[in-house]
Amino acid sequence: MAIALALLAGALLPVQAAMNARLAQSLQSVPLAALHSYLLGSLTLIGLLLSGLLPAPDWRAIGTAPRWTLLAGVLGAWYVSSSTLVIPRLGATLTLGLVVAGQAVAGLVMDHHGWLGVRRQRLGARGWAAMALFLAAMVLLTQSGGGR
């Protein structure tokens, strides 16, 4: 089930990016389109919290979370805004290919060093090979004009 959810989440990223880019084009504003995305997303999450479908959260736990973890939304805003801005220029394939490559390389480095509370997993030959393949794929995509 987790694998299917992860695949679905990945499949929805280019859809979301294209929708946000089209909205930004209509509104003539990337930040306004990103704000709309976050407002609607926030309302959706509030509905989910109030629905009772998931266990009730311990709201007091926010005070015990490391302060730096509370800044994750800033990175989400960066992703939504930057992909909204870039996808009309690079297309869905290249934009999301670069996003995935960036995620994979950052994830491999984070795992290797155990950064940000991630369980440390030393990067072996397969990890280095995976990183090289991701980077090679991005070179091929950028040289062929995206997915063409």
N, C-alpha and C. Protein backbone atom coordinates (compact mmCIF):
# COMPACT_ATOMS: atom_id res chain seq x y z
N MET A 1 0.82 -1.19 0.00
CA MET A 1 0.00 0.00 0.00
C MET A 1 0.87 1.26 0.00
N ALA A 2 1.94 1.27 0.79
CA ALA A 2 2.81 2.44 0.85
C ALA A 2 3.46 2.72 -0.50
N ILE A 3 3.85 1.66 -1.21
CA ILE A 3 4.46 1.84 -2.53
C ILE A 3 3.46 2.44 -3.50
N ALA A 4 2.23 1.96 -3.48
CA ALA A 4 1.19 2.50 -4.36
C ALA A 4 0.91 3.97 -4.05
N LEU A 5 0.85 4.32 -2.76
CA LEU A 5 0.62 5.71 -2.39
C LEU A 5 1.78 6.61 -2.84
N ALA A 6 3.00 6.12 -2.71
CA ALA A 6 4.16 6.90 -3.13
C ALA A 6 4.15 7.10 -4.65
N LEU A 7 3.81 6.05 -5.39
CA LEU A 7 3.72 6.17 -6.85
C LEU A 7 2.63 7.16 -7.25
N LEU A 8 1.49 7.10 -6.58
CA LEU A 8 0.40 8.02 -6.88
C LEU A 8 0.81 9.45 -6.56
N ALA A 9 1.46 9.66 -5.42
CA ALA A 9 1.94 11.00 -5.06
C ALA A 9 2.90 11.52 -6.13
N GLY A 10 3.79 10.67 -6.59
CA GLY A 10 4.73 11.08 -7.64
C GLY A 10 4.02 11.38 -8.95
N ALA A 11 3.01 10.58 -9.29
CA ALA A 11 2.26 10.80 -10.53
C ALA A 11 1.47 12.10 -10.48
N LEU A 12 1.06 12.51 -9.28
CA LEU A 12 0.27 13.73 -9.14
C LEU A 12 1.12 15.00 -9.16
N LEU A 13 2.43 14.90 -8.92
CA LEU A 13 3.28 16.09 -8.92
C LEU A 13 3.27 16.84 -10.26
N PRO A 14 3.45 16.16 -11.41
CA PRO A 14 3.40 16.93 -12.65
C PRO A 14 2.01 17.50 -12.94
N VAL A 15 0.98 16.78 -12.50
CA VAL A 15 -0.39 17.28 -12.68
C VAL A 15 -0.56 18.57 -11.87
N GLN A 16 -0.14 18.54 -10.60
CA GLN A 16 -0.25 19.73 -9.75
C GLN A 16 0.57 20.87 -10.33
N ALA A 17 1.79 20.59 -10.76
CA ALA A 17 2.65 21.64 -11.30
C ALA A 17 2.03 22.27 -12.55
N ALA A 18 1.48 21.45 -13.43
CA ALA A 18 0.86 21.98 -14.64
C ALA A 18 -0.40 22.80 -14.31
N MET A 19 -1.18 22.32 -13.36
CA MET A 19 -2.37 23.06 -12.95
C MET A 19 -1.98 24.41 -12.34
N ASN A 20 -0.97 24.42 -11.48
CA ASN A 20 -0.51 25.66 -10.87
C ASN A 20 0.04 26.62 -11.92
N ALA A 21 0.78 26.08 -12.90
CA ALA A 21 1.34 26.93 -13.96
C ALA A 21 0.23 27.57 -14.78
N ARG A 22 -0.79 26.79 -15.10
CA ARG A 22 -1.93 27.33 -15.87
C ARG A 22 -2.68 28.38 -15.06
N LEU A 23 -2.86 28.13 -13.76
CA LEU A 23 -3.52 29.11 -12.90
C LEU A 23 -2.68 30.38 -12.81
N ALA A 24 -1.36 30.25 -12.67
CA ALA A 24 -0.48 31.42 -12.61
C ALA A 24 -0.57 32.23 -13.90
N GLN A 25 -0.68 31.52 -15.01
CA GLN A 25 -0.81 32.20 -16.30
C GLN A 25 -2.13 32.98 -16.35
N SER A 26 -3.20 32.36 -15.89
CA SER A 26 -4.50 33.02 -15.88
C SER A 26 -4.52 34.22 -14.95
N LEU A 27 -3.90 34.07 -13.77
CA LEU A 27 -3.87 35.14 -12.77
C LEU A 27 -2.74 36.14 -13.00
N GLN A 28 -1.82 35.79 -13.89
CA GLN A 28 -0.62 36.59 -14.16
C GLN A 28 0.20 36.81 -12.89
N SER A 29 0.25 35.75 -12.05
CA SER A 29 1.00 35.85 -10.80
C SER A 29 1.34 34.47 -10.27
N VAL A 30 2.63 34.15 -10.21
CA VAL A 30 3.06 32.89 -9.62
C VAL A 30 2.77 32.85 -8.12
N PRO A 31 3.11 33.91 -7.36
CA PRO A 31 2.82 33.85 -5.91
C PRO A 31 1.33 33.71 -5.60
N LEU A 32 0.47 34.36 -6.37
CA LEU A 32 -0.97 34.25 -6.12
C LEU A 32 -1.46 32.84 -6.42
N ALA A 33 -0.95 32.23 -7.48
CA ALA A 33 -1.34 30.85 -7.78
C ALA A 33 -0.86 29.91 -6.69
N ALA A 34 0.36 30.10 -6.20
CA ALA A 34 0.89 29.27 -5.11
C ALA A 34 0.08 29.49 -3.84
N LEU A 35 -0.28 30.72 -3.55
CA LEU A 35 -1.11 31.02 -2.38
C LEU A 35 -2.46 30.31 -2.48
N HIS A 36 -3.06 30.36 -3.66
CA HIS A 36 -4.34 29.66 -3.85
C HIS A 36 -4.18 28.17 -3.59
N SER A 37 -3.09 27.61 -4.11
CA SER A 37 -2.81 26.18 -3.91
C SER A 37 -2.70 25.86 -2.42
N TYR A 38 -1.97 26.69 -1.69
CA TYR A 38 -1.79 26.45 -0.25
C TYR A 38 -3.06 26.68 0.55
N LEU A 39 -3.84 27.69 0.17
CA LEU A 39 -5.10 27.93 0.89
C LEU A 39 -6.06 26.77 0.71
N LEU A 40 -6.21 26.33 -0.53
CA LEU A 40 -7.11 25.20 -0.78
C LEU A 40 -6.58 23.93 -0.13
N GLY A 41 -5.26 23.74 -0.18
CA GLY A 41 -4.66 22.60 0.50
C GLY A 41 -4.87 22.65 2.00
N SER A 42 -4.75 23.84 2.58
CA SER A 42 -4.96 24.01 4.02
C SER A 42 -6.40 23.69 4.40
N LEU A 43 -7.33 24.17 3.61
CA LEU A 43 -8.75 23.85 3.88
C LEU A 43 -9.01 22.35 3.79
N THR A 44 -8.37 21.71 2.82
CA THR A 44 -8.51 20.26 2.68
C THR A 44 -7.96 19.54 3.91
N LEU A 45 -6.81 19.98 4.39
CA LEU A 45 -6.21 19.35 5.58
C LEU A 45 -7.03 19.61 6.83
N ILE A 46 -7.60 20.79 6.95
CA ILE A 46 -8.48 21.08 8.09
C ILE A 46 -9.68 20.15 8.06
N GLY A 47 -10.24 19.96 6.88
CA GLY A 47 -11.36 19.02 6.74
C GLY A 47 -10.97 17.61 7.13
N LEU A 48 -9.78 17.19 6.74
CA LEU A 48 -9.30 15.86 7.10
C LEU A 48 -9.11 15.73 8.61
N LEU A 49 -8.55 16.77 9.23
CA LEU A 49 -8.36 16.75 10.69
C LEU A 49 -9.70 16.67 11.43
N LEU A 50 -10.69 17.36 10.92
CA LEU A 50 -12.00 17.39 11.57
C LEU A 50 -12.88 16.18 11.23
N SER A 51 -12.50 15.44 10.21
CA SER A 51 -13.35 14.34 9.73
C SER A 51 -13.40 13.15 10.69
N GLY A 52 -12.38 12.98 11.49
CA GLY A 52 -12.33 11.82 12.38
C GLY A 52 -11.84 10.56 11.67
N LEU A 53 -11.40 10.67 10.42
CA LEU A 53 -10.90 9.51 9.69
C LEU A 53 -9.54 9.04 10.20
N LEU A 54 -8.81 9.96 10.81
CA LEU A 54 -7.50 9.65 11.36
C LEU A 54 -7.52 9.89 12.86
N PRO A 55 -6.60 9.27 13.59
CA PRO A 55 -6.55 9.53 15.04
C PRO A 55 -6.35 11.02 15.31
N ALA A 56 -6.94 11.51 16.37
CA ALA A 56 -6.81 12.92 16.73
C ALA A 56 -5.36 13.24 17.08
N PRO A 57 -4.85 14.36 16.57
CA PRO A 57 -3.47 14.73 16.87
C PRO A 57 -3.34 15.29 18.29
N ASP A 58 -2.13 15.22 18.82
CA ASP A 58 -1.82 15.83 20.11
C ASP A 58 -1.26 17.22 19.80
N TRP A 59 -2.12 18.23 19.85
CA TRP A 59 -1.74 19.59 19.48
C TRP A 59 -0.62 20.13 20.36
N ARG A 60 -0.51 19.64 21.59
CA ARG A 60 0.55 20.12 22.48
C ARG A 60 1.92 19.69 22.00
N ALA A 61 1.99 18.65 21.18
CA ALA A 61 3.27 18.13 20.72
C ALA A 61 4.00 19.13 19.82
N ILE A 62 3.28 20.09 19.24
CA ILE A 62 3.94 21.10 18.40
C ILE A 62 5.01 21.84 19.21
N GLY A 63 4.73 22.07 20.47
CA GLY A 63 5.70 22.77 21.33
C GLY A 63 6.96 21.98 21.61
N THR A 64 6.93 20.67 21.41
CA THR A 64 8.11 19.85 21.67
C THR A 64 8.90 19.54 20.40
N ALA A 65 8.35 19.86 19.25
CA ALA A 65 9.05 19.60 17.99
C ALA A 65 10.25 20.52 17.86
N PRO A 66 11.35 20.03 17.28
CA PRO A 66 12.48 20.93 17.03
C PRO A 66 12.03 22.13 16.20
N ARG A 67 12.47 23.30 16.56
CA ARG A 67 12.01 24.53 15.89
C ARG A 67 12.25 24.50 14.39
N TRP A 68 13.39 23.95 13.96
CA TRP A 68 13.69 23.93 12.53
C TRP A 68 12.70 23.11 11.73
N THR A 69 12.04 22.12 12.36
CA THR A 69 11.08 21.30 11.63
C THR A 69 9.83 22.10 11.25
N LEU A 70 9.57 23.16 11.99
CA LEU A 70 8.39 23.97 11.71
C LEU A 70 8.55 24.84 10.46
N LEU A 71 9.74 24.85 9.89
CA LEU A 71 10.00 25.63 8.68
C LEU A 71 9.79 24.83 7.40
N ALA A 72 9.35 23.58 7.51
CA ALA A 72 9.17 22.73 6.33
C ALA A 72 8.22 23.35 5.32
N GLY A 73 7.23 24.07 5.78
CA GLY A 73 6.28 24.71 4.86
C GLY A 73 6.93 25.72 3.94
N VAL A 74 8.02 26.35 4.40
CA VAL A 74 8.74 27.30 3.55
C VAL A 74 9.31 26.56 2.34
N LEU A 75 9.84 25.36 2.57
CA LEU A 75 10.39 24.57 1.47
C LEU A 75 9.28 24.13 0.52
N GLY A 76 8.11 23.80 1.08
CA GLY A 76 6.97 23.45 0.23
C GLY A 76 6.54 24.61 -0.64
N ALA A 77 6.53 25.81 -0.07
CA ALA A 77 6.18 27.00 -0.84
C ALA A 77 7.20 27.25 -1.94
N TRP A 78 8.47 27.00 -1.63
CA TRP A 78 9.52 27.13 -2.64
C TRP A 78 9.26 26.15 -3.79
N TYR A 79 8.97 24.89 -3.47
CA TYR A 79 8.73 23.89 -4.51
C TYR A 79 7.54 24.30 -5.38
N VAL A 80 6.42 24.63 -4.76
CA VAL A 80 5.22 24.98 -5.53
C VAL A 80 5.48 26.20 -6.41
N SER A 81 6.10 27.22 -5.84
CA SER A 81 6.35 28.44 -6.61
C SER A 81 7.35 28.20 -7.74
N SER A 82 8.43 27.52 -7.45
CA SER A 82 9.45 27.32 -8.49
C SER A 82 8.96 26.39 -9.59
N SER A 83 8.25 25.32 -9.25
CA SER A 83 7.74 24.44 -10.31
C SER A 83 6.67 25.15 -11.14
N THR A 84 5.87 25.99 -10.49
CA THR A 84 4.86 26.77 -11.22
C THR A 84 5.52 27.71 -12.22
N LEU A 85 6.63 28.29 -11.83
CA LEU A 85 7.35 29.22 -12.69
C LEU A 85 8.09 28.51 -13.82
N VAL A 86 8.65 27.35 -13.54
CA VAL A 86 9.55 26.68 -14.47
C VAL A 86 8.84 25.76 -15.47
N ILE A 87 7.76 25.13 -15.08
CA ILE A 87 7.15 24.11 -15.95
C ILE A 87 6.72 24.65 -17.32
N PRO A 88 6.24 25.89 -17.43
CA PRO A 88 5.93 26.37 -18.79
C PRO A 88 7.16 26.52 -19.67
N ARG A 89 8.32 26.71 -19.08
CA ARG A 89 9.55 26.89 -19.84
C ARG A 89 10.23 25.57 -20.20
N LEU A 90 10.23 24.64 -19.25
CA LEU A 90 10.95 23.38 -19.46
C LEU A 90 10.05 22.22 -19.84
N GLY A 91 8.76 22.32 -19.56
CA GLY A 91 7.85 21.20 -19.78
C GLY A 91 7.80 20.30 -18.55
N ALA A 92 6.80 19.43 -18.52
CA ALA A 92 6.59 18.56 -17.36
C ALA A 92 7.71 17.53 -17.20
N THR A 93 8.14 16.93 -18.30
CA THR A 93 9.15 15.86 -18.20
C THR A 93 10.45 16.37 -17.61
N LEU A 94 10.99 17.44 -18.19
CA LEU A 94 12.27 17.93 -17.72
C LEU A 94 12.15 18.55 -16.32
N THR A 95 11.09 19.33 -16.10
CA THR A 95 10.92 19.94 -14.77
C THR A 95 10.86 18.88 -13.69
N LEU A 96 9.97 17.91 -13.85
CA LEU A 96 9.82 16.90 -12.81
C LEU A 96 10.97 15.91 -12.80
N GLY A 97 11.61 15.70 -13.94
CA GLY A 97 12.82 14.88 -13.95
C GLY A 97 13.91 15.50 -13.10
N LEU A 98 14.06 16.81 -13.24
CA LEU A 98 15.05 17.52 -12.42
C LEU A 98 14.65 17.52 -10.95
N VAL A 99 13.35 17.67 -10.68
CA VAL A 99 12.87 17.61 -9.29
C VAL A 99 13.19 16.25 -8.69
N VAL A 100 12.87 15.18 -9.41
CA VAL A 100 13.12 13.83 -8.91
C VAL A 100 14.61 13.58 -8.74
N ALA A 101 15.42 14.03 -9.69
CA ALA A 101 16.87 13.85 -9.57
C ALA A 101 17.39 14.61 -8.35
N GLY A 102 16.91 15.82 -8.16
CA GLY A 102 17.31 16.58 -6.98
C GLY A 102 16.90 15.89 -5.69
N GLN A 103 15.68 15.35 -5.68
CA GLN A 103 15.21 14.62 -4.50
C GLN A 103 16.07 13.39 -4.24
N ALA A 104 16.36 12.64 -5.30
CA ALA A 104 17.13 11.41 -5.13
C ALA A 104 18.54 11.69 -4.64
N VAL A 105 19.20 12.67 -5.25
CA VAL A 105 20.56 12.99 -4.85
C VAL A 105 20.57 13.51 -3.41
N ALA A 106 19.66 14.43 -3.09
CA ALA A 106 19.59 14.96 -1.72
C ALA A 106 19.27 13.84 -0.73
N GLY A 107 18.37 12.94 -1.11
CA GLY A 107 18.02 11.82 -0.24
C GLY A 107 19.20 10.89 0.00
N LEU A 108 19.96 10.61 -1.05
CA LEU A 108 21.14 9.75 -0.90
C LEU A 108 22.16 10.40 0.03
N VAL A 109 22.38 11.70 -0.14
CA VAL A 109 23.34 12.41 0.71
C VAL A 109 22.83 12.46 2.16
N MET A 110 21.54 12.75 2.33
CA MET A 110 20.97 12.78 3.68
C MET A 110 21.09 11.42 4.37
N ASP A 111 20.77 10.35 3.63
CA ASP A 111 20.90 9.01 4.19
C ASP A 111 22.35 8.72 4.56
N HIS A 112 23.27 9.06 3.66
CA HIS A 112 24.69 8.77 3.86
C HIS A 112 25.22 9.44 5.14
N HIS A 113 24.79 10.67 5.39
CA HIS A 113 25.29 11.42 6.54
C HIS A 113 24.36 11.38 7.75
N GLY A 114 23.13 10.87 7.57
CA GLY A 114 22.18 10.83 8.67
C GLY A 114 21.70 12.22 9.08
N TRP A 115 21.57 13.12 8.12
CA TRP A 115 21.16 14.49 8.41
C TRP A 115 19.67 14.59 8.73
N LEU A 116 19.31 15.57 9.53
CA LEU A 116 17.92 15.94 9.86
C LEU A 116 17.13 14.80 10.48
N GLY A 117 17.80 13.97 11.25
CA GLY A 117 17.12 12.89 11.95
C GLY A 117 16.84 11.65 11.12
N VAL A 118 17.36 11.62 9.88
CA VAL A 118 17.19 10.44 9.03
C VAL A 118 18.18 9.38 9.48
N ARG A 119 17.72 8.12 9.52
CA ARG A 119 18.62 7.03 9.92
C ARG A 119 19.79 6.95 8.95
N ARG A 120 21.00 6.93 9.49
CA ARG A 120 22.21 6.92 8.66
C ARG A 120 22.34 5.59 7.92
N GLN A 121 22.50 5.69 6.62
CA GLN A 121 22.72 4.53 5.76
C GLN A 121 23.84 4.90 4.80
N ARG A 122 25.01 4.35 5.06
CA ARG A 122 26.18 4.66 4.25
C ARG A 122 25.92 4.36 2.78
N LEU A 123 26.38 5.26 1.94
CA LEU A 123 26.21 5.13 0.50
C LEU A 123 27.25 4.16 -0.03
N GLY A 124 26.77 3.03 -0.57
CA GLY A 124 27.66 2.03 -1.14
C GLY A 124 27.77 2.19 -2.65
N ALA A 125 28.32 1.20 -3.28
CA ALA A 125 28.53 1.24 -4.73
C ALA A 125 27.20 1.42 -5.48
N ARG A 126 26.15 0.75 -5.02
CA ARG A 126 24.85 0.89 -5.69
C ARG A 126 24.30 2.30 -5.56
N GLY A 127 24.47 2.91 -4.40
CA GLY A 127 24.02 4.29 -4.20
C GLY A 127 24.75 5.26 -5.10
N TRP A 128 26.08 5.11 -5.17
CA TRP A 128 26.87 5.97 -6.06
C TRP A 128 26.46 5.74 -7.51
N ALA A 129 26.22 4.49 -7.89
CA ALA A 129 25.78 4.20 -9.26
C ALA A 129 24.41 4.81 -9.54
N ALA A 130 23.52 4.72 -8.56
CA ALA A 130 22.18 5.32 -8.73
C ALA A 130 22.29 6.82 -8.93
N MET A 131 23.14 7.47 -8.13
CA MET A 131 23.32 8.92 -8.26
C MET A 131 23.88 9.26 -9.64
N ALA A 132 24.84 8.50 -10.11
CA ALA A 132 25.42 8.75 -11.42
C ALA A 132 24.38 8.55 -12.52
N LEU A 133 23.53 7.53 -12.39
CA LEU A 133 22.48 7.29 -13.39
C LEU A 133 21.46 8.42 -13.40
N PHE A 134 21.06 8.91 -12.23
CA PHE A 134 20.14 10.05 -12.16
C PHE A 134 20.73 11.26 -12.88
N LEU A 135 21.98 11.53 -12.59
CA LEU A 135 22.63 12.70 -13.20
C LEU A 135 22.79 12.50 -14.71
N ALA A 136 23.11 11.28 -15.14
CA ALA A 136 23.23 11.00 -16.57
C ALA A 136 21.87 11.15 -17.26
N ALA A 137 20.81 10.70 -16.61
CA ALA A 137 19.47 10.85 -17.19
C ALA A 137 19.12 12.32 -17.36
N MET A 138 19.50 13.15 -16.40
CA MET A 138 19.20 14.58 -16.50
C MET A 138 19.99 15.24 -17.62
N VAL A 139 21.23 14.80 -17.81
CA VAL A 139 22.02 15.32 -18.93
C VAL A 139 21.34 14.95 -20.24
N LEU A 140 20.88 13.71 -20.37
CA LEU A 140 20.20 13.28 -21.59
C LEU A 140 18.91 14.07 -21.81
N LEU A 141 18.13 14.27 -20.76
CA LEU A 141 16.88 15.02 -20.89
C LEU A 141 17.13 16.47 -21.27
N THR A 142 18.13 17.09 -20.68
CA THR A 142 18.38 18.50 -20.99
C THR A 142 18.91 18.66 -22.40
N GLN A 143 19.62 17.67 -22.90
CA GLN A 143 20.19 17.76 -24.25
C GLN A 143 19.19 17.41 -25.33
N SER A 144 18.14 16.67 -24.97
CA SER A 144 17.16 16.27 -25.99
C SER A 144 15.95 17.18 -25.98
N GLY A 145 16.00 18.26 -25.21
CA GLY A 145 14.86 19.18 -25.18
C GLY A 145 13.72 18.66 -24.34
N GLY A 146 14.03 18.01 -23.23
CA GLY A 146 12.98 17.50 -22.34
C GLY A 146 12.60 16.09 -22.72
N GLY A 147 11.31 15.82 -22.84
CA GLY A 147 10.83 14.47 -23.09
C GLY A 147 10.75 14.12 -24.57
N ARG A 148 11.18 15.05 -25.42
CA ARG A 148 11.08 14.79 -26.87
C ARG A 148 12.15 13.88 -27.34
